[in-house]
Amino acid sequence: MKTDWHIHTTASDGKYAPAEIVRLAFAEGFSQIAISDHDSLNGLHEIRSELSLPPMFVLPAVEFSVNVYDSSSKKNEVHILGYGLNPLNEELNDCLERLRKTRVTRFYEMIKKANELGFLISEEEAEAVLEKNTAPGRRHLADILVAKEYFSVDEVFAKYLNSGKPGYVSRFKFNLEETCRLIQNNGGIAILAHPYEISSKEVRESLIRSELFDGIESFHPSHGENESEYLLEQCRIYNKYASGGSDYHDGESGRALNFPKKIGEFYPPSEKITAFIEWAYESPNGIKTG
């Protein structure tokens, strides 16, 4: 059984539309996937309305971002995967709409900063992004900057858009506790995403053990084999679900050289995340296509 529980689409910062992701995953032999866009469930609405998809189980998910501070008050961005969410839940949609609006505001702030620094981006170019994406982010601005040859793919984040760099603009986030409760109150489970992308070991170890999380993304392209085994052991010790996924966006470099270039290059060993797969398949909000 091939499964992938962490895939992005054009509903946030992925390359392919949700329906196309289903077709690509099916062609690679997958039977179960999760569409896990940033701050958005819009991709699931598209899949529900598409009648010509191959057979696939699709679990609704959202990837949220929160800030967590270590003992020295250093900020760490932490990602949370909320699985099995109900796309029709009013409270959830109100929260997602608030995040969407703040993303749009931030997108325009980043464009204003880019123009002030001499990286000229027109109103038409900004509007073209918003016509296609409900959750605009740094990736969309990066695409414009690379297309206009201000930066290469490999340097646009490292030199300009990462935190602390000239083009970075922070955005609104809910806090850790309210994000996990929002997920769980909606019938979902909160999974700590790619823990080894958290810069602070202190924060990472604290969150791995935190009762706020129902599970840990133990398999991810940013994890080595020893790190995955360690996370699996922590899941056993603290009675948490172990999950995993490719975090597929677009196959481009610029984020991490070991990230998959296409769907199917990375997926978790199903025998090591059996409990999560069983929970996912029983979710009342799962979508069966085809």
C-alpha atoms as a PDB file:
ATOM      1  CA  MET A   1       0.000   0.000   0.000  1.00  0.00           C
ATOM      2  CA  LYS A   2       1.419   3.365  -1.037  1.00  0.00           C
ATOM      3  CA  THR A   3       0.120   6.369   0.878  1.00  0.00           C
ATOM      4  CA  ASP A   4       1.205  10.004   1.133  1.00  0.00           C
ATOM      5  CA  TRP A   5      -0.297  12.135   3.889  1.00  0.00           C
ATOM      6  CA  HIS A   6       1.292  15.500   3.076  1.00  0.00           C
ATOM      7  CA  ILE A   7       0.711  17.006  -0.389  1.00  0.00           C
ATOM      8  CA  HIS A   8       0.153  20.623  -1.450  1.00  0.00           C
ATOM      9  CA  THR A   9      -1.887  21.893  -4.402  1.00  0.00           C
ATOM     10  CA  THR A  10      -2.672  25.171  -6.130  1.00  0.00           C
ATOM     11  CA  ALA A  11      -5.108  25.852  -3.276  1.00  0.00           C
ATOM     12  CA  SER A  12      -1.990  27.070  -1.449  1.00  0.00           C
ATOM     13  CA  ASP A  13       1.565  26.900  -2.831  1.00  0.00           C
ATOM     14  CA  GLY A  14       1.645  23.694  -4.851  1.00  0.00           C
ATOM     15  CA  LYS A  15       2.198  23.340  -8.601  1.00  0.00           C
ATOM     16  CA  TYR A  16      -0.738  21.097  -9.510  1.00  0.00           C
ATOM     17  CA  ALA A  17      -4.472  21.496  -9.080  1.00  0.00           C
ATOM     18  CA  PRO A  18      -6.115  19.110  -6.565  1.00  0.00           C
ATOM     19  CA  ALA A  19      -7.746  16.935  -9.232  1.00  0.00           C
ATOM     20  CA  GLU A  20      -4.435  16.632 -11.060  1.00  0.00           C
ATOM     21  CA  ILE A  21      -2.726  15.575  -7.807  1.00  0.00           C
ATOM     22  CA  VAL A  22      -5.231  12.722  -7.494  1.00  0.00           C
ATOM     23  CA  ARG A  23      -4.521  11.615 -11.057  1.00  0.00           C
ATOM     24  CA  LEU A  24      -0.744  11.805 -10.586  1.00  0.00           C
ATOM     25  CA  ALA A  25      -0.921   9.883  -7.298  1.00  0.00           C
ATOM     26  CA  PHE A  26      -3.098   7.174  -8.845  1.00  0.00           C
ATOM     27  CA  ALA A  27      -0.668   6.823 -11.760  1.00  0.00           C
ATOM     28  CA  GLU A  28       2.136   6.246  -9.228  1.00  0.00           C
ATOM     29  CA  GLY A  29       0.211   3.484  -7.463  1.00  0.00           C
ATOM     30  CA  PHE A  30      -1.106   5.374  -4.444  1.00  0.00           C
ATOM     31  CA  SER A  31      -4.389   4.369  -2.856  1.00  0.00           C
ATOM     32  CA  GLN A  32      -4.630   6.965  -0.065  1.00  0.00           C
ATOM     33  CA  ILE A  33      -3.411  10.557   0.160  1.00  0.00           C
ATOM     34  CA  ALA A  34      -4.051  13.727   2.127  1.00  0.00           C
ATOM     35  CA  ILE A  35      -4.432  17.136   0.526  1.00  0.00           C
ATOM     36  CA  SER A  36      -2.830  19.345   3.182  1.00  0.00           C
ATOM     37  CA  ASP A  37      -2.682  22.908   1.902  1.00  0.00           C
ATOM     38  CA  HIS A  38      -1.585  25.850   4.008  1.00  0.00           C
ATOM     39  CA  ASP A  39      -4.529  27.480   5.784  1.00  0.00           C
ATOM     40  CA  SER A  40      -7.006  26.200   3.195  1.00  0.00           C
ATOM     41  CA  LEU A  41      -9.487  23.413   2.492  1.00  0.00           C
ATOM     42  CA  ASN A  42     -10.468  24.781  -0.929  1.00  0.00           C
ATOM     43  CA  GLY A  43      -8.697  21.936  -2.695  1.00  0.00           C
ATOM     44  CA  LEU A  44     -11.133  19.468  -1.168  1.00  0.00           C
ATOM     45  CA  HIS A  45     -14.116  21.350  -2.579  1.00  0.00           C
ATOM     46  CA  GLU A  46     -12.650  20.966  -6.067  1.00  0.00           C
ATOM     47  CA  ILE A  47     -12.121  17.247  -5.600  1.00  0.00           C
ATOM     48  CA  ARG A  48     -15.679  16.733  -4.369  1.00  0.00           C
ATOM     49  CA  SER A  49     -17.030  18.411  -7.509  1.00  0.00           C
ATOM     50  CA  GLU A  50     -14.819  16.505  -9.971  1.00  0.00           C
ATOM     51  CA  LEU A  51     -16.602  13.450 -11.372  1.00  0.00           C
ATOM     52  CA  SER A  52     -13.903  11.983 -13.613  1.00  0.00           C
ATOM     53  CA  LEU A  53     -11.237  11.092 -11.044  1.00  0.00           C
ATOM     54  CA  PRO A  54      -9.691   7.635 -10.612  1.00  0.00           C
ATOM     55  CA  PRO A  55     -10.426   5.711  -7.382  1.00  0.00           C
ATOM     56  CA  MET A  56      -8.572   7.257  -4.452  1.00  0.00           C
ATOM     57  CA  PHE A  57      -9.137   7.909  -0.755  1.00  0.00           C
ATOM     58  CA  VAL A  58      -8.451  11.583  -0.007  1.00  0.00           C
ATOM     59  CA  LEU A  59      -8.248  12.790   3.589  1.00  0.00           C
ATOM     60  CA  PRO A  60      -9.017  16.494   4.209  1.00  0.00           C
ATOM     61  CA  ALA A  61      -6.157  18.243   5.986  1.00  0.00           C
ATOM     62  CA  VAL A  62      -4.765  21.703   6.655  1.00  0.00           C
ATOM     63  CA  GLU A  63      -1.207  22.723   7.464  1.00  0.00           C
ATOM     64  CA  PHE A  64      -1.207  25.504  10.051  1.00  0.00           C
ATOM     65  CA  SER A  65       1.748  27.609  11.201  1.00  0.00           C
ATOM     66  CA  VAL A  66       2.318  28.846  14.747  1.00  0.00           C
ATOM     67  CA  ASN A  67       5.152  30.581  16.571  1.00  0.00           C
ATOM     68  CA  VAL A  68       6.716  28.899  19.603  1.00  0.00           C
ATOM     69  CA  TYR A  69       9.390  30.591  21.713  1.00  0.00           C
ATOM     70  CA  ASP A  70      12.283  28.879  23.460  1.00  0.00           C
ATOM     71  CA  SER A  71      13.639  29.756  26.904  1.00  0.00           C
ATOM     72  CA  SER A  72      15.746  32.569  25.409  1.00  0.00           C
ATOM     73  CA  SER A  73      12.637  34.073  23.731  1.00  0.00           C
ATOM     74  CA  LYS A  74      13.830  33.082  20.250  1.00  0.00           C
ATOM     75  CA  LYS A  75      10.935  32.546  17.841  1.00  0.00           C
ATOM     76  CA  ASN A  76      10.519  29.194  16.116  1.00  0.00           C
ATOM     77  CA  GLU A  77       7.973  28.614  13.359  1.00  0.00           C
ATOM     78  CA  VAL A  78       6.194  25.328  13.966  1.00  0.00           C
ATOM     79  CA  HIS A  79       3.826  23.612  11.540  1.00  0.00           C
ATOM     80  CA  ILE A  80       0.785  21.581  12.584  1.00  0.00           C
ATOM     81  CA  LEU A  81      -1.097  19.192  10.318  1.00  0.00           C
ATOM     82  CA  GLY A  82      -4.790  18.942  11.106  1.00  0.00           C
ATOM     83  CA  TYR A  83      -6.245  15.737   9.648  1.00  0.00           C
ATOM     84  CA  GLY A  84      -9.811  14.587   9.073  1.00  0.00           C
ATOM     85  CA  LEU A  85     -11.325  18.065   9.183  1.00  0.00           C
ATOM     86  CA  ASN A  86     -14.886  18.834   8.145  1.00  0.00           C
ATOM     87  CA  PRO A  87     -14.761  21.336   5.237  1.00  0.00           C
ATOM     88  CA  LEU A  88     -18.260  22.544   6.149  1.00  0.00           C
ATOM     89  CA  ASN A  89     -17.544  23.366   9.810  1.00  0.00           C
ATOM     90  CA  GLU A  90     -18.450  27.017  10.448  1.00  0.00           C
ATOM     91  CA  GLU A  91     -15.880  27.697  13.191  1.00  0.00           C
ATOM     92  CA  LEU A  92     -13.076  26.171  11.122  1.00  0.00           C
ATOM     93  CA  ASN A  93     -14.039  28.112   8.001  1.00  0.00           C
ATOM     94  CA  ASP A  94     -14.215  31.362   9.955  1.00  0.00           C
ATOM     95  CA  CYS A  95     -10.660  30.773  11.169  1.00  0.00           C
ATOM     96  CA  LEU A  96      -9.429  29.835   7.692  1.00  0.00           C
ATOM     97  CA  GLU A  97     -11.056  32.947   6.236  1.00  0.00           C
ATOM     98  CA  ARG A  98      -9.275  35.110   8.791  1.00  0.00           C
ATOM     99  CA  LEU A  99      -5.968  33.474   7.873  1.00  0.00           C
ATOM    100  CA  ARG A 100      -6.722  33.943   4.163  1.00  0.00           C
ATOM    101  CA  LYS A 101      -7.372  37.662   4.577  1.00  0.00           C
ATOM    102  CA  THR A 102      -4.169  38.167   6.545  1.00  0.00           C
ATOM    103  CA  ARG A 103      -2.234  36.241   3.889  1.00  0.00           C
ATOM    104  CA  VAL A 104      -3.553  38.587   1.190  1.00  0.00           C
ATOM    105  CA  THR A 105      -2.630  41.642   3.264  1.00  0.00           C
ATOM    106  CA  ARG A 106       0.835  40.271   3.854  1.00  0.00           C
ATOM    107  CA  PHE A 107       1.253  39.424   0.155  1.00  0.00           C
ATOM    108  CA  TYR A 108       0.662  43.051  -0.789  1.00  0.00           C
ATOM    109  CA  GLU A 109       3.013  44.209   1.973  1.00  0.00           C
ATOM    110  CA  MET A 110       5.738  41.961   0.544  1.00  0.00           C
ATOM    111  CA  ILE A 111       5.138  43.338  -2.948  1.00  0.00           C
ATOM    112  CA  LYS A 112       5.322  46.907  -1.629  1.00  0.00           C
ATOM    113  CA  LYS A 113       8.630  46.101   0.053  1.00  0.00           C
ATOM    114  CA  ALA A 114       9.944  44.449  -3.121  1.00  0.00           C
ATOM    115  CA  ASN A 115       9.088  47.532  -5.185  1.00  0.00           C
ATOM    116  CA  GLU A 116      10.779  49.798  -2.631  1.00  0.00           C
ATOM    117  CA  LEU A 117      13.922  47.666  -2.924  1.00  0.00           C
ATOM    118  CA  GLY A 118      13.930  47.907  -6.696  1.00  0.00           C
ATOM    119  CA  PHE A 119      12.349  44.529  -7.523  1.00  0.00           C
ATOM    120  CA  LEU A 120       9.464  45.895  -9.560  1.00  0.00           C
ATOM    121  CA  ILE A 121       6.187  43.950  -9.506  1.00  0.00           C
ATOM    122  CA  SER A 122       3.039  45.325 -11.111  1.00  0.00           C
ATOM    123  CA  GLU A 123      -0.487  45.341  -9.749  1.00  0.00           C
ATOM    124  CA  GLU A 124      -1.481  43.071 -12.642  1.00  0.00           C
ATOM    125  CA  GLU A 125       1.135  40.491 -11.653  1.00  0.00           C
ATOM    126  CA  ALA A 126      -0.114  40.527  -8.061  1.00  0.00           C
ATOM    127  CA  GLU A 127      -3.737  40.160  -9.124  1.00  0.00           C
ATOM    128  CA  ALA A 128      -2.840  37.238 -11.402  1.00  0.00           C
ATOM    129  CA  VAL A 129      -1.579  35.355  -8.339  1.00  0.00           C
ATOM    130  CA  LEU A 130      -4.697  36.105  -6.301  1.00  0.00           C
ATOM    131  CA  GLU A 131      -6.985  34.947  -9.113  1.00  0.00           C
ATOM    132  CA  LYS A 132      -5.501  31.447  -8.873  1.00  0.00           C
ATOM    133  CA  ASN A 133      -4.566  31.131  -5.199  1.00  0.00           C
ATOM    134  CA  THR A 134      -6.706  31.655  -2.120  1.00  0.00           C
ATOM    135  CA  ALA A 135      -3.738  31.328   0.271  1.00  0.00           C
ATOM    136  CA  PRO A 136      -0.958  33.452  -1.269  1.00  0.00           C
ATOM    137  CA  GLY A 137       2.452  33.184   0.316  1.00  0.00           C
ATOM    138  CA  ARG A 138       6.172  33.626  -0.125  1.00  0.00           C
ATOM    139  CA  ARG A 139       6.313  30.869  -2.749  1.00  0.00           C
ATOM    140  CA  HIS A 140       4.084  32.884  -5.099  1.00  0.00           C
ATOM    141  CA  LEU A 141       6.227  35.990  -4.712  1.00  0.00           C
ATOM    142  CA  ALA A 142       9.332  33.860  -5.203  1.00  0.00           C
ATOM    143  CA  ASP A 143       7.955  32.589  -8.516  1.00  0.00           C
ATOM    144  CA  ILE A 144       7.504  36.161  -9.744  1.00  0.00           C
ATOM    145  CA  LEU A 145      10.975  37.230  -8.639  1.00  0.00           C
ATOM    146  CA  VAL A 146      12.585  34.221 -10.303  1.00  0.00           C
ATOM    147  CA  ALA A 147      10.586  34.682 -13.521  1.00  0.00           C
ATOM    148  CA  LYS A 148      11.754  38.314 -13.673  1.00  0.00           C
ATOM    149  CA  GLU A 149      15.341  37.081 -13.098  1.00  0.00           C
ATOM    150  CA  TYR A 150      15.910  39.069  -9.922  1.00  0.00           C
ATOM    151  CA  PHE A 151      16.949  35.832  -8.177  1.00  0.00           C
ATOM    152  CA  SER A 152      17.615  32.218  -9.059  1.00  0.00           C
ATOM    153  CA  VAL A 153      15.377  29.453  -7.715  1.00  0.00           C
ATOM    154  CA  ASP A 154      18.101  28.406  -5.277  1.00  0.00           C
ATOM    155  CA  GLU A 155      18.737  31.864  -3.815  1.00  0.00           C
ATOM    156  CA  VAL A 156      15.348  33.613  -3.677  1.00  0.00           C
ATOM    157  CA  PHE A 157      14.492  32.320  -0.200  1.00  0.00           C
ATOM    158  CA  ALA A 158      18.024  32.154   1.197  1.00  0.00           C
ATOM    159  CA  LYS A 159      18.894  35.705   0.141  1.00  0.00           C
ATOM    160  CA  TYR A 160      15.551  37.470   0.186  1.00  0.00           C
ATOM    161  CA  LEU A 161      12.401  35.785   1.533  1.00  0.00           C
ATOM    162  CA  ASN A 162      13.416  33.765   4.591  1.00  0.00           C
ATOM    163  CA  SER A 163      12.895  35.186   8.075  1.00  0.00           C
ATOM    164  CA  GLY A 164      15.445  37.903   8.756  1.00  0.00           C
ATOM    165  CA  LYS A 165      16.055  38.607   5.061  1.00  0.00           C
ATOM    166  CA  PRO A 166      15.152  41.911   3.320  1.00  0.00           C
ATOM    167  CA  GLY A 167      11.898  40.758   1.724  1.00  0.00           C
ATOM    168  CA  TYR A 168      10.409  38.863   4.649  1.00  0.00           C
ATOM    169  CA  VAL A 169       7.155  40.049   6.217  1.00  0.00           C
ATOM    170  CA  SER A 170       5.660  38.245   9.207  1.00  0.00           C
ATOM    171  CA  ARG A 171       1.991  37.305   9.225  1.00  0.00           C
ATOM    172  CA  PHE A 172      -0.792  36.608  11.692  1.00  0.00           C
ATOM    173  CA  LYS A 173      -0.904  33.136  13.228  1.00  0.00           C
ATOM    174  CA  PHE A 174      -3.124  31.557  15.847  1.00  0.00           C
ATOM    175  CA  ASN A 175      -1.198  30.252  18.840  1.00  0.00           C
ATOM    176  CA  LEU A 176      -0.205  26.648  19.449  1.00  0.00           C
ATOM    177  CA  GLU A 177      -2.934  25.748  21.925  1.00  0.00           C
ATOM    178  CA  GLU A 178      -5.858  27.272  20.043  1.00  0.00           C
ATOM    179  CA  THR A 179      -4.723  25.712  16.763  1.00  0.00           C
ATOM    180  CA  CYS A 180      -4.575  22.203  18.228  1.00  0.00           C
ATOM    181  CA  ARG A 181      -7.937  22.678  19.959  1.00  0.00           C
ATOM    182  CA  LEU A 182      -9.510  23.998  16.756  1.00  0.00           C
ATOM    183  CA  ILE A 183      -8.427  20.811  14.970  1.00  0.00           C
ATOM    184  CA  GLN A 184      -9.526  18.451  17.740  1.00  0.00           C
ATOM    185  CA  ASN A 185     -12.844  20.206  18.343  1.00  0.00           C
ATOM    186  CA  ASN A 186     -13.551  19.671  14.644  1.00  0.00           C
ATOM    187  CA  GLY A 187     -13.141  15.905  14.995  1.00  0.00           C
ATOM    188  CA  GLY A 188      -9.609  15.861  13.655  1.00  0.00           C
ATOM    189  CA  ILE A 189      -6.204  15.017  15.040  1.00  0.00           C
ATOM    190  CA  ALA A 190      -3.263  17.402  15.415  1.00  0.00           C
ATOM    191  CA  ILE A 191       0.079  16.124  14.123  1.00  0.00           C
ATOM    192  CA  LEU A 192       3.417  17.839  14.720  1.00  0.00           C
ATOM    193  CA  ALA A 193       4.760  18.366  11.194  1.00  0.00           C
ATOM    194  CA  HIS A 194       8.398  17.688  10.213  1.00  0.00           C
ATOM    195  CA  PRO A 195       9.907  18.219  13.692  1.00  0.00           C
ATOM    196  CA  TYR A 196      13.478  18.379  12.392  1.00  0.00           C
ATOM    197  CA  GLU A 197      12.692  21.573  10.526  1.00  0.00           C
ATOM    198  CA  ILE A 198      12.239  23.238  13.931  1.00  0.00           C
ATOM    199  CA  SER A 199      15.462  25.129  14.569  1.00  0.00           C
ATOM    200  CA  SER A 200      15.473  24.812  18.365  1.00  0.00           C
ATOM    201  CA  LYS A 201      16.130  21.361  19.824  1.00  0.00           C
ATOM    202  CA  GLU A 202      14.596  22.581  23.084  1.00  0.00           C
ATOM    203  CA  VAL A 203      11.316  23.472  21.350  1.00  0.00           C
ATOM    204  CA  ARG A 204      11.350  20.331  19.210  1.00  0.00           C
ATOM    205  CA  GLU A 205      11.786  17.955  22.139  1.00  0.00           C
ATOM    206  CA  SER A 206       9.166  19.769  24.192  1.00  0.00           C
ATOM    207  CA  LEU A 207       6.597  19.522  21.390  1.00  0.00           C
ATOM    208  CA  ILE A 208       7.355  15.878  20.658  1.00  0.00           C
ATOM    209  CA  ARG A 209       6.312  15.111  24.235  1.00  0.00           C
ATOM    210  CA  SER A 210       3.460  17.632  24.405  1.00  0.00           C
ATOM    211  CA  GLU A 211      -0.020  16.358  25.201  1.00  0.00           C
ATOM    212  CA  LEU A 212      -1.408  18.922  22.755  1.00  0.00           C
ATOM    213  CA  PHE A 213      -0.443  16.709  19.822  1.00  0.00           C
ATOM    214  CA  ASP A 214      -2.111  13.463  18.832  1.00  0.00           C
ATOM    215  CA  GLY A 215       0.821  12.403  16.692  1.00  0.00           C
ATOM    216  CA  ILE A 216       4.129  13.157  14.994  1.00  0.00           C
ATOM    217  CA  GLU A 217       5.063  13.267  11.319  1.00  0.00           C
ATOM    218  CA  SER A 218       7.797  10.664  11.697  1.00  0.00           C
ATOM    219  CA  PHE A 219       8.587  10.259   7.994  1.00  0.00           C
ATOM    220  CA  HIS A 220       9.448  13.361   5.969  1.00  0.00           C
ATOM    221  CA  PRO A 221      12.092  14.258   3.357  1.00  0.00           C
ATOM    222  CA  SER A 222      13.907  16.467   5.872  1.00  0.00           C
ATOM    223  CA  HIS A 223      14.386  13.536   8.282  1.00  0.00           C
ATOM    224  CA  GLY A 224      17.222  11.054   8.185  1.00  0.00           C
ATOM    225  CA  GLU A 225      16.681   7.365   8.931  1.00  0.00           C
ATOM    226  CA  ASN A 226      17.885   7.700  12.523  1.00  0.00           C
ATOM    227  CA  GLU A 227      15.646  10.709  13.097  1.00  0.00           C
ATOM    228  CA  SER A 228      12.603   8.839  11.810  1.00  0.00           C
ATOM    229  CA  GLU A 229      13.360   5.890  14.057  1.00  0.00           C
ATOM    230  CA  TYR A 230      13.722   8.216  17.035  1.00  0.00           C
ATOM    231  CA  LEU A 231      10.359   9.833  16.289  1.00  0.00           C
ATOM    232  CA  LEU A 232       8.723   6.421  15.942  1.00  0.00           C
ATOM    233  CA  GLU A 233      10.076   5.475  19.347  1.00  0.00           C
ATOM    234  CA  GLN A 234       8.680   8.693  20.848  1.00  0.00           C
ATOM    235  CA  CYS A 235       5.287   7.880  19.347  1.00  0.00           C
ATOM    236  CA  ARG A 236       5.389   4.475  21.051  1.00  0.00           C
ATOM    237  CA  ILE A 237       6.477   5.953  24.375  1.00  0.00           C
ATOM    238  CA  TYR A 238       3.888   8.735  24.418  1.00  0.00           C
ATOM    239  CA  ASN A 239       1.097   6.786  22.694  1.00  0.00           C
ATOM    240  CA  LYS A 240       0.887   9.031  19.640  1.00  0.00           C
ATOM    241  CA  TYR A 241       0.085   8.381  16.002  1.00  0.00           C
ATOM    242  CA  ALA A 242       3.059   8.177  13.649  1.00  0.00           C
ATOM    243  CA  SER A 243       2.394   9.629  10.203  1.00  0.00           C
ATOM    244  CA  GLY A 244       4.406  10.644   7.180  1.00  0.00           C
ATOM    245  CA  GLY A 245       4.343  12.290   3.792  1.00  0.00           C
ATOM    246  CA  SER A 246       6.366  13.816   1.003  1.00  0.00           C
ATOM    247  CA  ASP A 247       5.410  17.479   1.598  1.00  0.00           C
ATOM    248  CA  TYR A 248       5.265  17.680  -2.185  1.00  0.00           C
ATOM    249  CA  HIS A 249       4.879  21.183  -3.609  1.00  0.00           C
ATOM    250  CA  ASP A 250       6.259  21.553  -7.094  1.00  0.00           C
ATOM    251  CA  GLY A 251       9.448  19.561  -7.468  1.00  0.00           C
ATOM    252  CA  GLU A 252      11.577  22.691  -7.573  1.00  0.00           C
ATOM    253  CA  SER A 253      14.754  23.152  -5.559  1.00  0.00           C
ATOM    254  CA  GLY A 254      15.174  26.146  -3.299  1.00  0.00           C
ATOM    255  CA  ARG A 255      13.688  24.678  -0.144  1.00  0.00           C
ATOM    256  CA  ALA A 256      15.653  21.482   0.376  1.00  0.00           C
ATOM    257  CA  LEU A 257      17.682  19.522  -2.115  1.00  0.00           C
ATOM    258  CA  ASN A 258      16.396  16.183  -0.807  1.00  0.00           C
ATOM    259  CA  PHE A 259      12.737  17.036  -1.392  1.00  0.00           C
ATOM    260  CA  PRO A 260      11.020  14.891  -4.043  1.00  0.00           C
ATOM    261  CA  LYS A 261      10.937  16.150  -7.609  1.00  0.00           C
ATOM    262  CA  LYS A 262       7.709  14.298  -8.338  1.00  0.00           C
ATOM    263  CA  ILE A 263       4.931  12.445  -6.561  1.00  0.00           C
ATOM    264  CA  GLY A 264       5.960   8.899  -5.776  1.00  0.00           C
ATOM    265  CA  GLU A 265       9.624   9.519  -4.993  1.00  0.00           C
ATOM    266  CA  PHE A 266       8.984   9.668  -1.242  1.00  0.00           C
ATOM    267  CA  TYR A 267       6.310   8.009   0.848  1.00  0.00           C
ATOM    268  CA  PRO A 268       6.189   6.542   4.362  1.00  0.00           C
ATOM    269  CA  PRO A 269       6.438   2.783   4.997  1.00  0.00           C
ATOM    270  CA  SER A 270       2.810   1.824   5.558  1.00  0.00           C
ATOM    271  CA  GLU A 271       3.661  -0.928   8.043  1.00  0.00           C
ATOM    272  CA  LYS A 272       5.107   1.686  10.415  1.00  0.00           C
ATOM    273  CA  ILE A 273       2.148   4.061  10.362  1.00  0.00           C
ATOM    274  CA  THR A 274      -0.636   1.466  10.426  1.00  0.00           C
ATOM    275  CA  ALA A 275      -2.570   3.030  13.310  1.00  0.00           C
ATOM    276  CA  PHE A 276      -2.672   6.397  11.558  1.00  0.00           C
ATOM    277  CA  ILE A 277      -3.802   4.846   8.260  1.00  0.00           C
ATOM    278  CA  GLU A 278      -6.597   2.978  10.038  1.00  0.00           C
ATOM    279  CA  TRP A 279      -7.713   6.157  11.797  1.00  0.00           C
ATOM    280  CA  ALA A 280      -7.627   8.112   8.535  1.00  0.00           C
ATOM    281  CA  TYR A 281      -9.661   5.560   6.619  1.00  0.00           C
ATOM    282  CA  GLU A 282     -12.360   5.604   9.320  1.00  0.00           C
ATOM    283  CA  SER A 283     -12.601   9.401   9.238  1.00  0.00           C
ATOM    284  CA  PRO A 284     -16.171  10.461   8.377  1.00  0.00           C
ATOM    285  CA  ASN A 285     -14.766  13.349   6.331  1.00  0.00           C
ATOM    286  CA  GLY A 286     -12.629  11.246   4.011  1.00  0.00           C
ATOM    287  CA  ILE A 287     -13.434  11.453   0.306  1.00  0.00           C
ATOM    288  CA  LYS A 288     -13.579   8.409  -1.953  1.00  0.00           C
ATOM    289  CA  THR A 289     -13.200   9.379  -5.601  1.00  0.00           C
ATOM    290  CA  GLY A 290     -13.810   7.384  -8.754  1.00  0.00           C
END
